[in-house]
């Protein structure tokens, strides 16, 4: 793989992948609430590296998290109106 290709991949990752803390902030959820969302299967990691336990790295696709955040906001607005 060419050096430029690797740079392009790295740039894409930096622009499009986020960690759990960033994802929770985007959705407006607490860290614990976002963790529950993951456990319920509503959000799945785009990339998961490692075995299991605290050393596992999970990254989420920013566009999917932003869409999920919009859905949560719309749901909250509907509940407040009703």
C-alpha atoms as a PDB file:
ATOM      1  CA  UNK A   1       0.000   0.000   0.000  1.00  0.00           C
ATOM      2  CA  UNK A   2       1.309   3.431  -0.923  1.00  0.00           C
ATOM      3  CA  UNK A   3       2.154   6.026   1.711  1.00  0.00           C
ATOM      4  CA  UNK A   4      -0.470   8.400   0.300  1.00  0.00           C
ATOM      5  CA  UNK A   5      -3.131   5.691   0.505  1.00  0.00           C
ATOM      6  CA  UNK A   6      -2.327   5.194   4.183  1.00  0.00           C
ATOM      7  CA  UNK A   7      -2.526   8.940   4.776  1.00  0.00           C
ATOM      8  CA  UNK A   8      -5.911   9.043   3.049  1.00  0.00           C
ATOM      9  CA  UNK A   9      -7.185   6.181   5.211  1.00  0.00           C
ATOM     10  CA  UNK A  10      -5.871   7.842   8.348  1.00  0.00           C
ATOM     11  CA  UNK A  11      -7.536  11.140   7.399  1.00  0.00           C
ATOM     12  CA  UNK A  12     -10.843   9.376   6.720  1.00  0.00           C
ATOM     13  CA  UNK A  13     -10.668   7.602  10.089  1.00  0.00           C
ATOM     14  CA  UNK A  14      -9.939  10.831  11.948  1.00  0.00           C
ATOM     15  CA  UNK A  15     -12.881  12.551  10.255  1.00  0.00           C
ATOM     16  CA  UNK A  16     -15.411   9.716  10.462  1.00  0.00           C
ATOM     17  CA  UNK A  17     -14.697   7.518  13.485  1.00  0.00           C
ATOM     18  CA  UNK A  18     -15.342   8.502  17.098  1.00  0.00           C
ATOM     19  CA  UNK A  19     -14.993   6.897  20.514  1.00  0.00           C
ATOM     20  CA  UNK A  20     -17.747   6.144  23.012  1.00  0.00           C
ATOM     21  CA  UNK A  21     -17.308   9.402  24.949  1.00  0.00           C
ATOM     22  CA  UNK A  22     -17.605  11.490  21.774  1.00  0.00           C
ATOM     23  CA  UNK A  23     -20.609   9.438  20.657  1.00  0.00           C
ATOM     24  CA  UNK A  24     -22.376  10.013  23.981  1.00  0.00           C
ATOM     25  CA  UNK A  25     -21.799  13.750  23.645  1.00  0.00           C
ATOM     26  CA  UNK A  26     -23.197  13.815  20.105  1.00  0.00           C
ATOM     27  CA  UNK A  27     -26.344  11.921  21.131  1.00  0.00           C
ATOM     28  CA  UNK A  28     -26.804  14.041  24.265  1.00  0.00           C
ATOM     29  CA  UNK A  29     -26.677  10.949  26.458  1.00  0.00           C
ATOM     30  CA  UNK A  30     -24.643  10.318  29.558  1.00  0.00           C
ATOM     31  CA  UNK A  31     -21.794   7.849  29.205  1.00  0.00           C
ATOM     32  CA  UNK A  32     -23.853   5.254  31.113  1.00  0.00           C
ATOM     33  CA  UNK A  33     -26.957   5.842  28.981  1.00  0.00           C
ATOM     34  CA  UNK A  34     -24.926   5.443  25.807  1.00  0.00           C
ATOM     35  CA  UNK A  35     -23.422   2.238  27.204  1.00  0.00           C
ATOM     36  CA  UNK A  36     -26.964   0.951  27.742  1.00  0.00           C
ATOM     37  CA  UNK A  37     -27.817   1.840  24.136  1.00  0.00           C
ATOM     38  CA  UNK A  38     -24.905  -0.346  23.028  1.00  0.00           C
ATOM     39  CA  UNK A  39     -25.984  -3.229  25.280  1.00  0.00           C
ATOM     40  CA  UNK A  40     -29.489  -3.027  23.817  1.00  0.00           C
ATOM     41  CA  UNK A  41     -28.052  -3.341  20.317  1.00  0.00           C
ATOM     42  CA  UNK A  42     -29.314   0.033  19.084  1.00  0.00           C
ATOM     43  CA  UNK A  43     -25.772   1.088  18.218  1.00  0.00           C
ATOM     44  CA  UNK A  44     -23.005  -1.196  17.033  1.00  0.00           C
ATOM     45  CA  UNK A  45     -19.327  -0.341  16.721  1.00  0.00           C
ATOM     46  CA  UNK A  46     -18.042   0.255  13.208  1.00  0.00           C
ATOM     47  CA  UNK A  47     -14.639  -1.084  14.264  1.00  0.00           C
ATOM     48  CA  UNK A  48     -13.747  -3.274  17.204  1.00  0.00           C
ATOM     49  CA  UNK A  49     -10.122  -4.168  17.951  1.00  0.00           C
ATOM     50  CA  UNK A  50      -8.922  -6.493  20.675  1.00  0.00           C
ATOM     51  CA  UNK A  51     -10.182  -9.439  22.637  1.00  0.00           C
ATOM     52  CA  UNK A  52     -12.474  -8.438  25.481  1.00  0.00           C
ATOM     53  CA  UNK A  53     -12.340  -6.398  28.630  1.00  0.00           C
ATOM     54  CA  UNK A  54     -10.997  -2.917  29.205  1.00  0.00           C
ATOM     55  CA  UNK A  55      -8.339  -3.139  26.490  1.00  0.00           C
ATOM     56  CA  UNK A  56     -10.845  -3.521  23.646  1.00  0.00           C
ATOM     57  CA  UNK A  57     -11.132  -0.528  21.332  1.00  0.00           C
ATOM     58  CA  UNK A  58     -14.502   0.302  19.821  1.00  0.00           C
ATOM     59  CA  UNK A  59     -14.995   3.089  17.322  1.00  0.00           C
ATOM     60  CA  UNK A  60     -18.303   4.312  15.970  1.00  0.00           C
ATOM     61  CA  UNK A  61     -19.194   5.790  12.609  1.00  0.00           C
ATOM     62  CA  UNK A  62     -19.840   9.471  13.241  1.00  0.00           C
ATOM     63  CA  UNK A  63     -22.641   9.744  10.662  1.00  0.00           C
ATOM     64  CA  UNK A  64     -24.558   6.848  12.276  1.00  0.00           C
ATOM     65  CA  UNK A  65     -24.194   8.402  15.719  1.00  0.00           C
ATOM     66  CA  UNK A  66     -25.349  11.793  14.428  1.00  0.00           C
ATOM     67  CA  UNK A  67     -28.419  10.146  12.879  1.00  0.00           C
ATOM     68  CA  UNK A  68     -29.171   8.289  16.103  1.00  0.00           C
ATOM     69  CA  UNK A  69     -28.823  11.578  17.990  1.00  0.00           C
ATOM     70  CA  UNK A  70     -31.356  13.215  15.636  1.00  0.00           C
ATOM     71  CA  UNK A  71     -33.772  10.334  16.225  1.00  0.00           C
ATOM     72  CA  UNK A  72     -33.438  10.709  20.000  1.00  0.00           C
ATOM     73  CA  UNK A  73     -34.031  14.452  19.762  1.00  0.00           C
ATOM     74  CA  UNK A  74     -37.129  13.978  17.589  1.00  0.00           C
ATOM     75  CA  UNK A  75     -38.484  11.335  19.962  1.00  0.00           C
ATOM     76  CA  UNK A  76     -37.961  13.643  22.934  1.00  0.00           C
ATOM     77  CA  UNK A  77     -39.713  16.515  21.113  1.00  0.00           C
ATOM     78  CA  UNK A  78     -42.707  14.287  20.282  1.00  0.00           C
ATOM     79  CA  UNK A  79     -42.959  13.150  23.909  1.00  0.00           C
ATOM     80  CA  UNK A  80     -42.863  16.745  25.142  1.00  0.00           C
ATOM     81  CA  UNK A  81     -45.695  17.715  22.755  1.00  0.00           C
ATOM     82  CA  UNK A  82     -47.867  14.745  23.660  1.00  0.00           C
END
